[in-house]
């Protein structure tokens, strides 16, 4: 039997809320020397997502995405604006991993010390690169108003 989105959300609400609260805490540690470097360009081991799967260079609502392929499907995915500035860090967490109560440790190491503005959690039924149903946990470095203005 296929569950509706509201049933899925209700079923995983605690896990989703836990992720939303835990991931920002992972980023609160003192910054390593490379943290400032990711605000203008992705680390060398990160690849442009559009070079790995059939997605546009700039994904509306997320930006130009980069990911270390060894961290797929969860990420982190680093999202850059049209101006080339880091605007978000996204984790794509498969429902099957939430259902299996899988833990995700040290997800935010690449972005230690980066100042977050807010976090969004969005259900996604699947897309190229992460075909299975999953949640996007999007940690924004810019305000909600800036997201609406800049991420088209």
N, C-alpha and C. Protein backbone atom coordinates (compact mmCIF):
# COMPACT_ATOMS: atom_id res chain seq x y z
N UNK A 1 0.84 -1.17 0.00
CA UNK A 1 0.00 0.00 0.00
C UNK A 1 0.89 1.24 0.00
N UNK A 2 0.56 2.20 -0.85
CA UNK A 2 1.34 3.44 -0.95
C UNK A 2 0.78 4.45 0.04
N UNK A 3 1.68 5.03 0.84
CA UNK A 3 1.26 6.03 1.82
C UNK A 3 1.20 7.40 1.17
N UNK A 4 0.26 8.22 1.63
CA UNK A 4 0.18 9.59 1.13
C UNK A 4 1.32 10.41 1.73
N UNK A 5 1.56 11.57 1.13
CA UNK A 5 2.62 12.45 1.63
C UNK A 5 2.38 12.83 3.08
N UNK A 6 1.12 13.12 3.43
CA UNK A 6 0.84 13.51 4.82
C UNK A 6 1.08 12.35 5.77
N UNK A 7 0.74 11.12 5.33
CA UNK A 7 1.01 9.95 6.17
C UNK A 7 2.51 9.74 6.32
N UNK A 8 3.26 9.91 5.23
CA UNK A 8 4.72 9.76 5.30
C UNK A 8 5.32 10.79 6.22
N UNK A 9 4.84 12.04 6.10
CA UNK A 9 5.38 13.10 6.95
C UNK A 9 5.07 12.80 8.42
N UNK A 10 3.84 12.39 8.70
CA UNK A 10 3.47 12.07 10.08
C UNK A 10 4.32 10.92 10.61
N UNK A 11 4.57 9.93 9.77
CA UNK A 11 5.34 8.77 10.19
C UNK A 11 6.79 9.13 10.51
N UNK A 12 7.35 10.05 9.74
CA UNK A 12 8.77 10.39 9.89
C UNK A 12 8.99 11.74 10.55
N UNK A 13 7.95 12.36 11.08
CA UNK A 13 8.05 13.70 11.65
C UNK A 13 9.17 13.81 12.68
N UNK A 14 9.25 12.89 13.60
CA UNK A 14 10.29 12.94 14.64
C UNK A 14 11.69 12.87 14.05
N UNK A 15 11.87 11.99 13.08
CA UNK A 15 13.18 11.85 12.44
C UNK A 15 13.54 13.11 11.67
N UNK A 16 12.55 13.65 10.95
CA UNK A 16 12.80 14.85 10.16
C UNK A 16 13.14 16.03 11.06
N UNK A 17 12.38 16.20 12.13
CA UNK A 17 12.66 17.29 13.07
C UNK A 17 14.03 17.08 13.71
N UNK A 18 14.34 15.85 14.05
CA UNK A 18 15.66 15.55 14.62
C UNK A 18 16.78 15.92 13.67
N UNK A 19 16.61 15.58 12.39
CA UNK A 19 17.61 15.94 11.38
C UNK A 19 17.74 17.46 11.27
N UNK A 20 16.61 18.13 11.24
CA UNK A 20 16.64 19.59 11.09
C UNK A 20 17.35 20.26 12.26
N UNK A 21 17.23 19.67 13.43
CA UNK A 21 17.89 20.24 14.60
C UNK A 21 19.34 19.79 14.73
N UNK A 22 19.62 18.56 14.36
CA UNK A 22 20.97 18.01 14.56
C UNK A 22 21.98 18.51 13.54
N UNK A 23 21.58 18.62 12.29
CA UNK A 23 22.53 19.01 11.25
C UNK A 23 23.10 20.41 11.50
N UNK A 24 22.27 21.42 11.86
CA UNK A 24 22.88 22.73 12.16
C UNK A 24 23.87 22.67 13.33
N UNK A 25 23.60 21.82 14.30
CA UNK A 25 24.52 21.70 15.42
C UNK A 25 25.87 21.15 14.96
N UNK A 26 25.85 20.29 13.96
CA UNK A 26 27.10 19.74 13.44
C UNK A 26 27.95 20.83 12.79
N UNK A 27 27.29 21.90 12.36
CA UNK A 27 28.01 22.98 11.69
C UNK A 27 28.48 24.06 12.66
N UNK A 28 28.15 23.95 13.93
CA UNK A 28 28.44 25.01 14.89
C UNK A 28 29.86 24.97 15.45
N UNK A 29 30.63 23.97 15.11
CA UNK A 29 32.00 23.86 15.63
C UNK A 29 32.88 24.96 15.06
N UNK A 30 34.03 25.24 15.69
CA UNK A 30 34.94 26.26 15.16
C UNK A 30 35.36 25.94 13.73
N UNK A 31 35.52 26.95 12.88
CA UNK A 31 35.79 26.68 11.48
C UNK A 31 37.21 26.18 11.23
N UNK A 32 37.35 25.18 10.35
CA UNK A 32 38.69 24.80 9.92
C UNK A 32 39.18 25.83 8.90
N UNK A 33 40.41 25.73 8.49
CA UNK A 33 40.97 26.73 7.59
C UNK A 33 40.27 26.76 6.24
N UNK A 34 39.64 25.66 5.79
CA UNK A 34 39.05 25.65 4.48
C UNK A 34 37.61 26.14 4.45
N UNK A 35 36.95 26.35 5.60
CA UNK A 35 35.53 26.71 5.60
C UNK A 35 35.26 27.98 4.81
N UNK A 36 36.08 29.01 4.97
CA UNK A 36 35.85 30.26 4.24
C UNK A 36 36.01 30.04 2.74
N UNK A 37 36.87 29.12 2.35
CA UNK A 37 37.12 28.86 0.93
C UNK A 37 35.87 28.37 0.20
N UNK A 38 34.97 27.63 0.86
CA UNK A 38 33.81 27.08 0.17
C UNK A 38 32.76 28.14 -0.14
N UNK A 39 32.86 29.33 0.44
CA UNK A 39 31.87 30.35 0.16
C UNK A 39 31.99 30.89 -1.27
N UNK A 40 33.16 30.75 -1.88
CA UNK A 40 33.37 31.23 -3.25
C UNK A 40 33.55 30.12 -4.28
N UNK A 41 33.93 28.93 -3.83
CA UNK A 41 34.07 27.81 -4.75
C UNK A 41 34.07 26.50 -3.97
N UNK A 42 33.62 25.45 -4.63
CA UNK A 42 33.53 24.13 -3.99
C UNK A 42 34.93 23.54 -3.82
N UNK A 43 35.11 22.68 -2.79
CA UNK A 43 36.39 21.99 -2.63
C UNK A 43 36.74 21.18 -3.88
N UNK A 44 38.02 20.90 -4.06
CA UNK A 44 38.51 20.22 -5.27
C UNK A 44 37.85 18.85 -5.49
N UNK A 45 37.51 18.14 -4.41
CA UNK A 45 36.91 16.81 -4.56
C UNK A 45 35.41 16.87 -4.88
N UNK A 46 34.82 18.05 -4.91
CA UNK A 46 33.41 18.21 -5.26
C UNK A 46 33.29 18.41 -6.77
N UNK A 47 32.27 17.79 -7.35
CA UNK A 47 32.02 17.88 -8.79
C UNK A 47 30.69 18.58 -9.02
N UNK A 48 30.60 19.31 -10.13
CA UNK A 48 29.33 19.96 -10.48
C UNK A 48 28.32 18.85 -10.75
N UNK A 49 27.17 18.91 -10.10
CA UNK A 49 26.16 17.86 -10.23
C UNK A 49 25.72 17.69 -11.68
N UNK A 50 25.63 18.79 -12.42
CA UNK A 50 25.21 18.70 -13.82
C UNK A 50 26.20 17.93 -14.69
N UNK A 51 27.42 17.75 -14.21
CA UNK A 51 28.39 16.93 -14.95
C UNK A 51 28.27 15.45 -14.59
N UNK A 52 27.52 15.15 -13.54
CA UNK A 52 27.34 13.77 -13.08
C UNK A 52 26.01 13.17 -13.51
N UNK A 53 24.96 13.99 -13.54
CA UNK A 53 23.61 13.53 -13.89
C UNK A 53 22.95 14.56 -14.79
N UNK A 54 21.83 14.18 -15.40
CA UNK A 54 21.13 15.07 -16.31
C UNK A 54 20.29 16.07 -15.52
N UNK A 55 20.93 17.15 -15.11
CA UNK A 55 20.29 18.28 -14.44
C UNK A 55 20.89 19.55 -15.03
N UNK A 56 20.15 20.66 -14.98
CA UNK A 56 20.73 21.91 -15.50
C UNK A 56 21.88 22.39 -14.60
N UNK A 57 22.74 23.24 -15.16
CA UNK A 57 23.83 23.81 -14.36
C UNK A 57 23.29 24.55 -13.14
N UNK A 58 22.23 25.32 -13.33
CA UNK A 58 21.59 26.05 -12.23
C UNK A 58 20.21 25.46 -12.02
N UNK A 59 20.00 24.86 -10.85
CA UNK A 59 18.70 24.27 -10.51
C UNK A 59 17.89 25.34 -9.79
N UNK A 60 16.78 25.81 -10.40
CA UNK A 60 15.98 26.84 -9.75
C UNK A 60 15.58 26.40 -8.33
N UNK A 61 15.77 27.29 -7.38
CA UNK A 61 15.44 26.99 -5.99
C UNK A 61 16.60 26.41 -5.20
N UNK A 62 17.64 25.91 -5.86
CA UNK A 62 18.80 25.35 -5.16
C UNK A 62 20.13 25.94 -5.62
N UNK A 63 20.21 26.36 -6.88
CA UNK A 63 21.45 26.95 -7.38
C UNK A 63 22.28 25.99 -8.20
N UNK A 64 23.54 26.36 -8.40
CA UNK A 64 24.50 25.50 -9.07
C UNK A 64 25.04 24.57 -8.00
N UNK A 65 24.76 23.28 -8.15
CA UNK A 65 25.07 22.30 -7.11
C UNK A 65 26.38 21.58 -7.37
N UNK A 66 27.12 21.37 -6.27
CA UNK A 66 28.35 20.59 -6.28
C UNK A 66 28.25 19.53 -5.18
N UNK A 67 28.83 18.35 -5.43
CA UNK A 67 28.80 17.27 -4.44
C UNK A 67 30.08 16.44 -4.57
N UNK A 68 30.54 15.91 -3.46
CA UNK A 68 31.60 14.91 -3.48
C UNK A 68 30.91 13.59 -3.84
N UNK A 69 31.18 13.01 -5.00
CA UNK A 69 30.47 11.80 -5.43
C UNK A 69 30.51 10.66 -4.41
N UNK A 70 31.54 10.61 -3.58
CA UNK A 70 31.63 9.53 -2.59
C UNK A 70 30.59 9.67 -1.48
N UNK A 71 29.91 10.82 -1.39
CA UNK A 71 28.91 11.04 -0.34
C UNK A 71 27.48 10.84 -0.82
N UNK A 72 27.31 10.46 -2.10
CA UNK A 72 25.95 10.27 -2.63
C UNK A 72 25.26 9.09 -1.97
N UNK A 73 23.95 9.11 -1.80
CA UNK A 73 23.04 10.14 -2.29
C UNK A 73 22.81 11.30 -1.30
N UNK A 74 23.30 11.19 -0.08
CA UNK A 74 22.96 12.17 0.96
C UNK A 74 23.66 13.51 0.76
N UNK A 75 24.90 13.51 0.40
CA UNK A 75 25.65 14.76 0.25
C UNK A 75 26.49 15.04 1.47
N UNK A 76 26.91 16.27 1.65
CA UNK A 76 26.25 17.53 1.34
C UNK A 76 26.43 17.96 -0.11
N UNK A 77 25.37 18.64 -0.61
CA UNK A 77 25.40 19.33 -1.89
C UNK A 77 25.59 20.80 -1.57
N UNK A 78 26.54 21.44 -2.20
CA UNK A 78 26.79 22.86 -1.99
C UNK A 78 26.12 23.63 -3.12
N UNK A 79 25.23 24.57 -2.76
CA UNK A 79 24.49 25.34 -3.75
C UNK A 79 25.03 26.76 -3.85
N UNK A 80 25.35 27.16 -5.07
CA UNK A 80 25.91 28.49 -5.33
C UNK A 80 24.93 29.33 -6.14
N UNK A 81 24.89 30.63 -5.85
CA UNK A 81 24.02 31.57 -6.55
C UNK A 81 24.54 31.85 -7.95
N UNK A 82 23.76 32.63 -8.71
CA UNK A 82 24.20 33.06 -10.04
C UNK A 82 25.49 33.86 -9.94
N UNK A 83 25.73 34.49 -8.78
CA UNK A 83 26.94 35.30 -8.58
C UNK A 83 28.12 34.47 -8.08
N UNK A 84 27.92 33.15 -7.90
CA UNK A 84 29.01 32.27 -7.49
C UNK A 84 29.27 32.22 -6.00
N UNK A 85 28.30 32.65 -5.19
CA UNK A 85 28.45 32.62 -3.73
C UNK A 85 27.68 31.44 -3.16
N UNK A 86 28.25 30.78 -2.15
CA UNK A 86 27.55 29.69 -1.47
C UNK A 86 26.30 30.24 -0.79
N UNK A 87 25.14 29.64 -1.11
CA UNK A 87 23.89 30.10 -0.53
C UNK A 87 23.17 29.00 0.25
N UNK A 88 23.53 27.75 0.02
CA UNK A 88 22.88 26.67 0.78
C UNK A 88 23.75 25.42 0.82
N UNK A 89 23.43 24.59 1.79
CA UNK A 89 24.02 23.26 1.93
C UNK A 89 22.83 22.33 2.04
N UNK A 90 22.74 21.37 1.11
CA UNK A 90 21.57 20.50 1.02
C UNK A 90 21.97 19.05 1.25
N UNK A 91 21.12 18.36 2.01
CA UNK A 91 21.27 16.92 2.23
C UNK A 91 20.03 16.26 1.63
N UNK A 92 20.22 15.21 0.85
CA UNK A 92 19.12 14.49 0.21
C UNK A 92 19.01 13.12 0.88
N UNK A 93 18.09 13.03 1.83
CA UNK A 93 18.00 11.87 2.71
C UNK A 93 16.88 10.93 2.24
N UNK A 94 17.25 9.74 1.73
CA UNK A 94 16.24 8.78 1.25
C UNK A 94 15.29 8.33 2.36
N UNK A 95 14.01 8.20 2.00
CA UNK A 95 13.01 7.73 2.95
C UNK A 95 13.39 6.36 3.51
N UNK A 96 13.97 5.50 2.66
CA UNK A 96 14.33 4.16 3.14
C UNK A 96 15.36 4.24 4.27
N UNK A 97 16.24 5.23 4.23
CA UNK A 97 17.23 5.39 5.30
C UNK A 97 16.57 5.91 6.58
N UNK A 98 15.59 6.80 6.44
CA UNK A 98 14.85 7.26 7.61
C UNK A 98 14.06 6.10 8.22
N UNK A 99 13.42 5.32 7.36
CA UNK A 99 12.63 4.18 7.82
C UNK A 99 13.51 3.16 8.54
N UNK A 100 14.74 3.01 8.07
CA UNK A 100 15.68 2.05 8.68
C UNK A 100 16.38 2.65 9.91
N UNK A 101 16.01 3.88 10.27
CA UNK A 101 16.58 4.58 11.43
C UNK A 101 18.09 4.74 11.30
N UNK A 102 18.54 4.94 10.09
CA UNK A 102 19.97 5.13 9.83
C UNK A 102 20.46 6.44 10.44
N UNK A 103 21.63 6.41 11.02
CA UNK A 103 22.25 7.61 11.58
C UNK A 103 23.14 8.26 10.52
N UNK A 104 23.25 9.57 10.60
CA UNK A 104 24.10 10.33 9.69
C UNK A 104 25.02 11.19 10.55
N UNK A 105 26.26 10.76 10.70
CA UNK A 105 27.21 11.46 11.56
C UNK A 105 28.14 12.34 10.72
N UNK A 106 28.54 13.44 11.28
CA UNK A 106 29.53 14.38 10.71
C UNK A 106 29.18 14.84 9.29
N UNK A 107 27.90 15.05 9.02
CA UNK A 107 27.51 15.51 7.69
C UNK A 107 28.05 16.89 7.37
N UNK A 108 28.14 17.77 8.33
CA UNK A 108 28.48 19.15 8.05
C UNK A 108 29.94 19.52 8.12
N UNK A 109 30.84 18.57 8.14
CA UNK A 109 32.26 18.89 8.31
C UNK A 109 32.81 19.85 7.25
N UNK A 110 32.34 19.72 6.02
CA UNK A 110 32.87 20.58 4.95
C UNK A 110 32.53 22.05 5.18
N UNK A 111 31.50 22.31 5.97
CA UNK A 111 31.03 23.69 6.15
C UNK A 111 31.12 24.18 7.59
N UNK A 112 32.00 23.61 8.37
CA UNK A 112 32.14 24.06 9.75
C UNK A 112 32.37 25.56 9.79
N UNK A 113 31.63 26.22 10.65
CA UNK A 113 31.82 27.65 10.84
C UNK A 113 31.02 28.52 9.90
N UNK A 114 30.37 27.94 8.90
CA UNK A 114 29.55 28.74 7.99
C UNK A 114 28.28 29.15 8.74
N UNK A 115 27.91 30.42 8.65
CA UNK A 115 26.75 30.94 9.38
C UNK A 115 25.47 30.64 8.61
N UNK A 116 24.55 29.95 9.27
CA UNK A 116 23.27 29.59 8.67
C UNK A 116 22.21 30.63 8.99
N UNK A 117 21.27 30.82 8.08
CA UNK A 117 20.13 31.71 8.29
C UNK A 117 18.90 30.92 8.70
N UNK A 118 18.57 29.87 7.94
CA UNK A 118 17.40 29.05 8.25
C UNK A 118 17.51 27.70 7.53
N UNK A 119 16.64 26.76 7.92
CA UNK A 119 16.63 25.42 7.33
C UNK A 119 15.24 25.10 6.81
N UNK A 120 15.17 24.56 5.59
CA UNK A 120 13.92 24.08 5.00
C UNK A 120 14.02 22.56 4.84
N UNK A 121 12.88 21.89 4.98
CA UNK A 121 12.81 20.45 4.72
C UNK A 121 11.71 20.25 3.70
N UNK A 122 12.06 19.61 2.57
CA UNK A 122 11.11 19.44 1.47
C UNK A 122 11.13 18.00 0.99
N UNK A 123 9.92 17.45 0.82
CA UNK A 123 9.79 16.11 0.26
C UNK A 123 10.04 16.17 -1.24
N UNK A 124 10.73 15.15 -1.78
CA UNK A 124 10.95 15.05 -3.21
C UNK A 124 10.72 13.61 -3.62
N UNK A 125 9.87 13.36 -4.63
CA UNK A 125 9.58 11.98 -5.03
C UNK A 125 10.71 11.32 -5.80
N UNK A 126 11.73 12.08 -6.18
CA UNK A 126 12.88 11.55 -6.91
C UNK A 126 13.19 12.40 -8.12
N UNK A 127 14.44 12.43 -8.52
CA UNK A 127 14.91 13.19 -9.67
C UNK A 127 16.22 12.58 -10.12
N UNK A 128 16.75 12.98 -11.29
CA UNK A 128 18.03 12.42 -11.74
C UNK A 128 19.11 12.58 -10.66
N UNK A 129 19.78 11.51 -10.37
CA UNK A 129 20.83 11.51 -9.35
C UNK A 129 20.38 10.90 -8.04
N UNK A 130 19.14 11.21 -7.63
CA UNK A 130 18.54 10.60 -6.43
C UNK A 130 17.11 10.24 -6.84
N UNK A 131 16.97 9.11 -7.50
CA UNK A 131 15.70 8.71 -8.10
C UNK A 131 14.65 8.28 -7.09
N UNK A 132 15.09 7.81 -5.93
CA UNK A 132 14.14 7.31 -4.94
C UNK A 132 13.55 8.46 -4.13
N UNK A 133 12.36 8.26 -3.52
CA UNK A 133 11.76 9.30 -2.68
C UNK A 133 12.71 9.69 -1.54
N UNK A 134 12.80 10.99 -1.29
CA UNK A 134 13.73 11.47 -0.27
C UNK A 134 13.31 12.85 0.23
N UNK A 135 13.95 13.31 1.26
CA UNK A 135 13.75 14.66 1.75
C UNK A 135 14.99 15.49 1.47
N UNK A 136 14.77 16.73 1.06
CA UNK A 136 15.85 17.71 0.97
C UNK A 136 15.87 18.46 2.30
N UNK A 137 16.99 18.42 2.98
CA UNK A 137 17.21 19.26 4.16
C UNK A 137 18.13 20.36 3.66
N UNK A 138 17.55 21.56 3.49
CA UNK A 138 18.28 22.67 2.88
C UNK A 138 18.62 23.70 3.94
N UNK A 139 19.88 23.88 4.19
CA UNK A 139 20.36 24.86 5.16
C UNK A 139 20.79 26.11 4.39
N UNK A 140 20.04 27.17 4.58
CA UNK A 140 20.27 28.40 3.83
C UNK A 140 21.19 29.35 4.57
N UNK A 141 22.08 29.96 3.81
CA UNK A 141 22.97 30.99 4.35
C UNK A 141 22.40 32.38 4.09
N UNK A 142 21.31 32.44 3.32
CA UNK A 142 20.66 33.70 2.99
C UNK A 142 19.23 33.69 3.50
N UNK A 143 18.63 34.85 3.62
CA UNK A 143 17.27 34.98 4.17
C UNK A 143 16.23 34.39 3.23
N UNK A 144 15.02 34.10 3.75
CA UNK A 144 13.94 33.63 2.87
C UNK A 144 13.63 34.63 1.75
N UNK A 145 13.69 35.92 2.03
CA UNK A 145 13.45 36.92 1.00
C UNK A 145 14.52 36.86 -0.09
N UNK A 146 15.78 36.67 0.32
CA UNK A 146 16.87 36.54 -0.65
C UNK A 146 16.72 35.26 -1.48
N UNK A 147 16.24 34.19 -0.86
CA UNK A 147 16.01 32.94 -1.61
C UNK A 147 15.02 33.21 -2.73
N UNK A 148 13.90 33.87 -2.41
CA UNK A 148 12.88 34.15 -3.42
C UNK A 148 13.43 35.05 -4.53
N UNK A 149 14.24 36.02 -4.16
CA UNK A 149 14.76 37.00 -5.13
C UNK A 149 15.89 36.44 -5.99
N UNK A 150 16.76 35.63 -5.40
CA UNK A 150 18.01 35.24 -6.07
C UNK A 150 18.04 33.84 -6.66
N UNK A 151 17.13 32.98 -6.27
CA UNK A 151 17.28 31.57 -6.64
C UNK A 151 16.31 31.13 -7.75
N UNK A 152 15.96 32.04 -8.62
CA UNK A 152 15.06 31.73 -9.75
C UNK A 152 15.83 31.12 -10.89
